[in-house]
């Protein structure tokens, strides 16, 4: 009788374990469903951003359809894995497109600045570092470096342009003085021009 009682208690214990395992399994599936929805929203937002850049999204949407098929088949783990891969590829495409455009603009500005005999060594170094960052898909670093190079060049070009304009103004002022023309306080006028430029930055 004691052996039978022990066996009975063991059966109840095993049944309780089974119930707990089922609850845990259910909770894990529910968590994966929530994760699926979160990733799905991120993917849809990234696709919209890509479309705004007028980029092709067809292949990505085909992959997304396959992800949804996996979800309907309740293959949740594989579904989430595919979502993460898809999201990563879409972000890579979007960032690569943005940075390629920024790189093109920086290269054009480098050439323009070089044509004005502006010191571009610092900006060129950042440009080269940004290219290396792109090669290893460190998009955030690449974007920061291209932006820094662009800003540095534009500031130098603005300073150079103002310097040229200032010299032209001074030459005109001197020429005007020869004909007894009064253009007022030239130094004040030049300083006001610089101040206006600073305010526009």
C-alpha atoms as a PDB file:
ATOM      1  CA  UNK A   1       0.000   0.000   0.000  1.00  0.00           C
ATOM      2  CA  UNK A   2       2.881   2.349   0.858  1.00  0.00           C
ATOM      3  CA  UNK A   3       4.512   1.623  -2.502  1.00  0.00           C
ATOM      4  CA  UNK A   4       1.243   2.316  -4.277  1.00  0.00           C
ATOM      5  CA  UNK A   5       0.903   5.626  -2.387  1.00  0.00           C
ATOM      6  CA  UNK A   6       4.390   6.677  -3.347  1.00  0.00           C
ATOM      7  CA  UNK A   7       3.683   5.853  -6.969  1.00  0.00           C
ATOM      8  CA  UNK A   8       0.466   7.859  -6.809  1.00  0.00           C
ATOM      9  CA  UNK A   9       2.198  10.887  -5.337  1.00  0.00           C
ATOM     10  CA  UNK A  10       4.901  10.617  -7.952  1.00  0.00           C
ATOM     11  CA  UNK A  11       2.293  10.625 -10.707  1.00  0.00           C
ATOM     12  CA  UNK A  12       0.673  13.771  -9.282  1.00  0.00           C
ATOM     13  CA  UNK A  13       4.082  15.423  -9.029  1.00  0.00           C
ATOM     14  CA  UNK A  14       4.852  14.575 -12.645  1.00  0.00           C
ATOM     15  CA  UNK A  15       1.465  15.932 -13.700  1.00  0.00           C
ATOM     16  CA  UNK A  16       2.190  19.229 -11.905  1.00  0.00           C
ATOM     17  CA  UNK A  17       5.577  19.457 -13.612  1.00  0.00           C
ATOM     18  CA  UNK A  18       3.919  18.876 -16.954  1.00  0.00           C
ATOM     19  CA  UNK A  19       1.390  21.650 -16.302  1.00  0.00           C
ATOM     20  CA  UNK A  20       4.178  24.084 -15.323  1.00  0.00           C
ATOM     21  CA  UNK A  21       6.187  23.210 -18.415  1.00  0.00           C
ATOM     22  CA  UNK A  22       3.122  23.815 -20.596  1.00  0.00           C
ATOM     23  CA  UNK A  23       2.582  27.239 -18.992  1.00  0.00           C
ATOM     24  CA  UNK A  24       6.230  28.163 -19.509  1.00  0.00           C
ATOM     25  CA  UNK A  25       6.054  27.024 -23.121  1.00  0.00           C
ATOM     26  CA  UNK A  26       2.897  29.092 -23.635  1.00  0.00           C
ATOM     27  CA  UNK A  27       4.475  32.199 -22.074  1.00  0.00           C
ATOM     28  CA  UNK A  28       7.590  31.838 -24.266  1.00  0.00           C
ATOM     29  CA  UNK A  29       5.416  31.615 -27.371  1.00  0.00           C
ATOM     30  CA  UNK A  30       3.495  34.721 -26.323  1.00  0.00           C
ATOM     31  CA  UNK A  31       6.763  36.583 -25.764  1.00  0.00           C
ATOM     32  CA  UNK A  32       7.963  35.553 -29.215  1.00  0.00           C
ATOM     33  CA  UNK A  33       4.691  36.773 -30.740  1.00  0.00           C
ATOM     34  CA  UNK A  34       5.248  40.174 -29.117  1.00  0.00           C
ATOM     35  CA  UNK A  35       8.842  40.205 -30.373  1.00  0.00           C
ATOM     36  CA  UNK A  36       7.586  39.308 -33.858  1.00  0.00           C
ATOM     37  CA  UNK A  37       5.200  42.272 -33.863  1.00  0.00           C
ATOM     38  CA  UNK A  38       7.878  44.685 -32.636  1.00  0.00           C
ATOM     39  CA  UNK A  39      10.317  43.577 -35.341  1.00  0.00           C
ATOM     40  CA  UNK A  40       7.571  43.709 -37.954  1.00  0.00           C
ATOM     41  CA  UNK A  41       6.856  47.367 -37.099  1.00  0.00           C
ATOM     42  CA  UNK A  42      10.567  48.232 -37.304  1.00  0.00           C
ATOM     43  CA  UNK A  43      10.834  46.517 -40.684  1.00  0.00           C
ATOM     44  CA  UNK A  44       7.797  48.355 -42.062  1.00  0.00           C
ATOM     45  CA  UNK A  45       9.168  51.722 -40.879  1.00  0.00           C
ATOM     46  CA  UNK A  46      12.564  51.018 -42.424  1.00  0.00           C
ATOM     47  CA  UNK A  47      10.922  50.039 -45.713  1.00  0.00           C
ATOM     48  CA  UNK A  48       9.003  53.336 -45.738  1.00  0.00           C
ATOM     49  CA  UNK A  49      12.259  55.226 -45.164  1.00  0.00           C
ATOM     50  CA  UNK A  50      13.866  53.319 -48.012  1.00  0.00           C
ATOM     51  CA  UNK A  51      10.960  54.148 -50.314  1.00  0.00           C
ATOM     52  CA  UNK A  52      11.350  57.854 -49.472  1.00  0.00           C
ATOM     53  CA  UNK A  53      14.890  57.544 -50.814  1.00  0.00           C
ATOM     54  CA  UNK A  54      13.296  56.090 -53.984  1.00  0.00           C
ATOM     55  CA  UNK A  55      15.108  52.792 -53.492  1.00  0.00           C
ATOM     56  CA  UNK A  56      13.892  49.390 -54.651  1.00  0.00           C
ATOM     57  CA  UNK A  57      12.121  47.484 -51.857  1.00  0.00           C
ATOM     58  CA  UNK A  58      10.650  44.589 -53.847  1.00  0.00           C
ATOM     59  CA  UNK A  59      13.205  41.933 -52.792  1.00  0.00           C
ATOM     60  CA  UNK A  60      12.861  42.954 -49.138  1.00  0.00           C
ATOM     61  CA  UNK A  61       9.070  42.720 -49.303  1.00  0.00           C
ATOM     62  CA  UNK A  62       9.326  39.252 -50.832  1.00  0.00           C
ATOM     63  CA  UNK A  63      11.455  38.180 -47.879  1.00  0.00           C
ATOM     64  CA  UNK A  64       8.925  39.761 -45.519  1.00  0.00           C
ATOM     65  CA  UNK A  65       6.142  37.683 -47.094  1.00  0.00           C
ATOM     66  CA  UNK A  66       8.155  34.540 -46.345  1.00  0.00           C
ATOM     67  CA  UNK A  67       8.560  35.701 -42.757  1.00  0.00           C
ATOM     68  CA  UNK A  68       4.791  36.056 -42.446  1.00  0.00           C
ATOM     69  CA  UNK A  69       4.346  32.562 -43.852  1.00  0.00           C
ATOM     70  CA  UNK A  70       6.625  31.220 -41.123  1.00  0.00           C
ATOM     71  CA  UNK A  71       4.570  33.082 -38.519  1.00  0.00           C
ATOM     72  CA  UNK A  72       1.319  31.566 -39.764  1.00  0.00           C
ATOM     73  CA  UNK A  73       2.986  28.151 -39.647  1.00  0.00           C
ATOM     74  CA  UNK A  74       3.830  28.909 -35.976  1.00  0.00           C
ATOM     75  CA  UNK A  75       7.551  28.572 -36.665  1.00  0.00           C
ATOM     76  CA  UNK A  76       8.238  31.444 -34.294  1.00  0.00           C
ATOM     77  CA  UNK A  77      11.941  31.002 -33.563  1.00  0.00           C
ATOM     78  CA  UNK A  78      12.849  30.757 -37.247  1.00  0.00           C
ATOM     79  CA  UNK A  79      10.444  33.620 -37.990  1.00  0.00           C
ATOM     80  CA  UNK A  80      12.177  35.988 -35.549  1.00  0.00           C
ATOM     81  CA  UNK A  81      15.599  34.950 -36.804  1.00  0.00           C
ATOM     82  CA  UNK A  82      14.555  35.797 -40.376  1.00  0.00           C
ATOM     83  CA  UNK A  83      13.095  39.111 -39.210  1.00  0.00           C
ATOM     84  CA  UNK A  84      16.356  40.132 -37.553  1.00  0.00           C
ATOM     85  CA  UNK A  85      18.333  39.264 -40.686  1.00  0.00           C
ATOM     86  CA  UNK A  86      15.883  41.173 -42.876  1.00  0.00           C
ATOM     87  CA  UNK A  87      15.898  44.233 -40.623  1.00  0.00           C
ATOM     88  CA  UNK A  88      19.693  44.284 -40.588  1.00  0.00           C
ATOM     89  CA  UNK A  89      19.858  44.128 -44.394  1.00  0.00           C
ATOM     90  CA  UNK A  90      17.271  46.898 -44.847  1.00  0.00           C
ATOM     91  CA  UNK A  91      19.078  49.192 -42.399  1.00  0.00           C
ATOM     92  CA  UNK A  92      22.369  48.447 -44.149  1.00  0.00           C
ATOM     93  CA  UNK A  93      20.843  49.394 -47.507  1.00  0.00           C
ATOM     94  CA  UNK A  94      19.296  52.602 -46.158  1.00  0.00           C
ATOM     95  CA  UNK A  95      22.424  53.740 -44.322  1.00  0.00           C
ATOM     96  CA  UNK A  96      24.666  52.809 -47.222  1.00  0.00           C
ATOM     97  CA  UNK A  97      22.550  54.941 -49.528  1.00  0.00           C
ATOM     98  CA  UNK A  98      22.656  57.945 -47.191  1.00  0.00           C
ATOM     99  CA  UNK A  99      26.394  57.687 -46.648  1.00  0.00           C
ATOM    100  CA  UNK A 100      27.142  57.180 -50.337  1.00  0.00           C
ATOM    101  CA  UNK A 101      25.316  60.446 -51.055  1.00  0.00           C
ATOM    102  CA  UNK A 102      27.189  62.197 -48.231  1.00  0.00           C
ATOM    103  CA  UNK A 103      30.494  60.786 -49.511  1.00  0.00           C
ATOM    104  CA  UNK A 104      29.750  62.090 -53.012  1.00  0.00           C
ATOM    105  CA  UNK A 105      29.034  65.561 -51.661  1.00  0.00           C
ATOM    106  CA  UNK A 106      32.177  65.534 -49.500  1.00  0.00           C
ATOM    107  CA  UNK A 107      34.322  64.489 -52.451  1.00  0.00           C
ATOM    108  CA  UNK A 108      32.919  67.327 -54.582  1.00  0.00           C
ATOM    109  CA  UNK A 109      33.560  69.810 -51.773  1.00  0.00           C
ATOM    110  CA  UNK A 110      37.114  68.491 -51.356  1.00  0.00           C
ATOM    111  CA  UNK A 111      37.806  69.098 -55.041  1.00  0.00           C
ATOM    112  CA  UNK A 112      36.229  72.559 -54.914  1.00  0.00           C
ATOM    113  CA  UNK A 113      38.218  73.529 -51.806  1.00  0.00           C
ATOM    114  CA  UNK A 114      41.424  72.212 -53.342  1.00  0.00           C
ATOM    115  CA  UNK A 115      40.766  74.381 -56.396  1.00  0.00           C
ATOM    116  CA  UNK A 116      40.601  77.413 -54.096  1.00  0.00           C
ATOM    117  CA  UNK A 117      44.018  76.511 -52.624  1.00  0.00           C
ATOM    118  CA  UNK A 118      42.457  75.769 -49.236  1.00  0.00           C
ATOM    119  CA  UNK A 119      44.244  73.457 -46.814  1.00  0.00           C
ATOM    120  CA  UNK A 120      42.254  70.213 -47.056  1.00  0.00           C
ATOM    121  CA  UNK A 121      44.654  67.795 -45.324  1.00  0.00           C
ATOM    122  CA  UNK A 122      42.551  67.468 -42.155  1.00  0.00           C
ATOM    123  CA  UNK A 123      39.299  67.011 -44.059  1.00  0.00           C
ATOM    124  CA  UNK A 124      40.907  64.559 -46.477  1.00  0.00           C
ATOM    125  CA  UNK A 125      42.135  62.433 -43.563  1.00  0.00           C
ATOM    126  CA  UNK A 126      38.604  62.286 -42.126  1.00  0.00           C
ATOM    127  CA  UNK A 127      37.288  61.432 -45.580  1.00  0.00           C
ATOM    128  CA  UNK A 128      39.700  58.501 -45.874  1.00  0.00           C
ATOM    129  CA  UNK A 129      38.855  57.283 -42.344  1.00  0.00           C
ATOM    130  CA  UNK A 130      35.165  57.432 -43.246  1.00  0.00           C
ATOM    131  CA  UNK A 131      35.768  55.287 -46.320  1.00  0.00           C
ATOM    132  CA  UNK A 132      37.532  52.680 -44.165  1.00  0.00           C
ATOM    133  CA  UNK A 133      34.615  52.739 -41.713  1.00  0.00           C
ATOM    134  CA  UNK A 134      32.237  52.064 -44.612  1.00  0.00           C
ATOM    135  CA  UNK A 135      34.286  49.060 -45.685  1.00  0.00           C
ATOM    136  CA  UNK A 136      33.675  47.401 -42.297  1.00  0.00           C
ATOM    137  CA  UNK A 137      30.037  48.617 -42.283  1.00  0.00           C
ATOM    138  CA  UNK A 138      30.544  50.957 -39.331  1.00  0.00           C
ATOM    139  CA  UNK A 139      27.934  53.284 -40.816  1.00  0.00           C
ATOM    140  CA  UNK A 140      27.509  55.523 -37.788  1.00  0.00           C
ATOM    141  CA  UNK A 141      31.225  56.328 -37.646  1.00  0.00           C
ATOM    142  CA  UNK A 142      31.397  56.821 -41.413  1.00  0.00           C
ATOM    143  CA  UNK A 143      28.461  59.230 -41.386  1.00  0.00           C
ATOM    144  CA  UNK A 144      29.975  61.240 -38.516  1.00  0.00           C
ATOM    145  CA  UNK A 145      33.342  61.506 -40.264  1.00  0.00           C
ATOM    146  CA  UNK A 146      31.895  62.502 -43.633  1.00  0.00           C
ATOM    147  CA  UNK A 147      29.777  65.134 -41.878  1.00  0.00           C
ATOM    148  CA  UNK A 148      32.761  66.498 -39.941  1.00  0.00           C
ATOM    149  CA  UNK A 149      34.824  66.693 -43.127  1.00  0.00           C
ATOM    150  CA  UNK A 150      31.982  68.462 -44.947  1.00  0.00           C
ATOM    151  CA  UNK A 151      31.453  71.024 -42.172  1.00  0.00           C
ATOM    152  CA  UNK A 152      35.190  71.725 -41.879  1.00  0.00           C
ATOM    153  CA  UNK A 153      35.521  72.276 -45.623  1.00  0.00           C
ATOM    154  CA  UNK A 154      32.456  74.510 -45.870  1.00  0.00           C
ATOM    155  CA  UNK A 155      33.701  76.663 -42.990  1.00  0.00           C
ATOM    156  CA  UNK A 156      37.121  77.020 -44.620  1.00  0.00           C
ATOM    157  CA  UNK A 157      35.531  77.849 -47.972  1.00  0.00           C
ATOM    158  CA  UNK A 158      33.257  80.444 -46.384  1.00  0.00           C
ATOM    159  CA  UNK A 159      36.250  82.074 -44.697  1.00  0.00           C
ATOM    160  CA  UNK A 160      38.168  81.992 -47.976  1.00  0.00           C
ATOM    161  CA  UNK A 161      35.231  83.489 -49.892  1.00  0.00           C
ATOM    162  CA  UNK A 162      34.825  86.303 -47.376  1.00  0.00           C
ATOM    163  CA  UNK A 163      38.535  86.992 -47.546  1.00  0.00           C
ATOM    164  CA  UNK A 164      38.341  87.364 -51.337  1.00  0.00           C
ATOM    165  CA  UNK A 165      35.237  89.563 -51.128  1.00  0.00           C
ATOM    166  CA  UNK A 166      36.817  91.683 -48.392  1.00  0.00           C
ATOM    167  CA  UNK A 167      39.885  92.321 -50.546  1.00  0.00           C
ATOM    168  CA  UNK A 168      37.671  93.271 -53.496  1.00  0.00           C
ATOM    169  CA  UNK A 169      35.691  95.689 -51.295  1.00  0.00           C
ATOM    170  CA  UNK A 170      38.868  97.295 -49.992  1.00  0.00           C
ATOM    171  CA  UNK A 171      40.180  97.724 -53.557  1.00  0.00           C
ATOM    172  CA  UNK A 172      36.905  99.351 -54.624  1.00  0.00           C
ATOM    173  CA  UNK A 173      36.977 101.604 -51.553  1.00  0.00           C
ATOM    174  CA  UNK A 174      40.508 102.768 -52.402  1.00  0.00           C
ATOM    175  CA  UNK A 175      39.504 103.368 -56.010  1.00  0.00           C
ATOM    176  CA  UNK A 176      36.464 105.344 -54.840  1.00  0.00           C
ATOM    177  CA  UNK A 177      38.613 107.499 -52.598  1.00  0.00           C
ATOM    178  CA  UNK A 178      40.680 108.471 -55.622  1.00  0.00           C
ATOM    179  CA  UNK A 179      37.517 109.922 -57.157  1.00  0.00           C
ATOM    180  CA  UNK A 180      36.488 111.545 -53.865  1.00  0.00           C
ATOM    181  CA  UNK A 181      33.621 109.069 -53.352  1.00  0.00           C
ATOM    182  CA  UNK A 182      32.634 108.452 -49.745  1.00  0.00           C
ATOM    183  CA  UNK A 183      31.549 104.880 -48.970  1.00  0.00           C
ATOM    184  CA  UNK A 184      31.462 105.495 -45.216  1.00  0.00           C
ATOM    185  CA  UNK A 185      33.230 103.424 -42.572  1.00  0.00           C
ATOM    186  CA  UNK A 186      34.603 100.496 -44.569  1.00  0.00           C
ATOM    187  CA  UNK A 187      35.847  98.613 -41.481  1.00  0.00           C
ATOM    188  CA  UNK A 188      32.405  98.794 -39.870  1.00  0.00           C
ATOM    189  CA  UNK A 189      30.718  97.589 -43.064  1.00  0.00           C
ATOM    190  CA  UNK A 190      33.058  94.602 -43.346  1.00  0.00           C
ATOM    191  CA  UNK A 191      32.584  93.676 -39.686  1.00  0.00           C
ATOM    192  CA  UNK A 192      28.802  93.836 -40.058  1.00  0.00           C
ATOM    193  CA  UNK A 193      29.042  91.510 -43.053  1.00  0.00           C
ATOM    194  CA  UNK A 194      31.038  88.995 -40.984  1.00  0.00           C
ATOM    195  CA  UNK A 195      28.537  89.281 -38.125  1.00  0.00           C
ATOM    196  CA  UNK A 196      25.632  88.578 -40.488  1.00  0.00           C
ATOM    197  CA  UNK A 197      27.423  85.504 -41.797  1.00  0.00           C
ATOM    198  CA  UNK A 198      27.972  84.229 -38.246  1.00  0.00           C
ATOM    199  CA  UNK A 199      24.273  84.718 -37.457  1.00  0.00           C
ATOM    200  CA  UNK A 200      23.286  82.641 -40.490  1.00  0.00           C
ATOM    201  CA  UNK A 201      25.322  79.626 -39.369  1.00  0.00           C
END
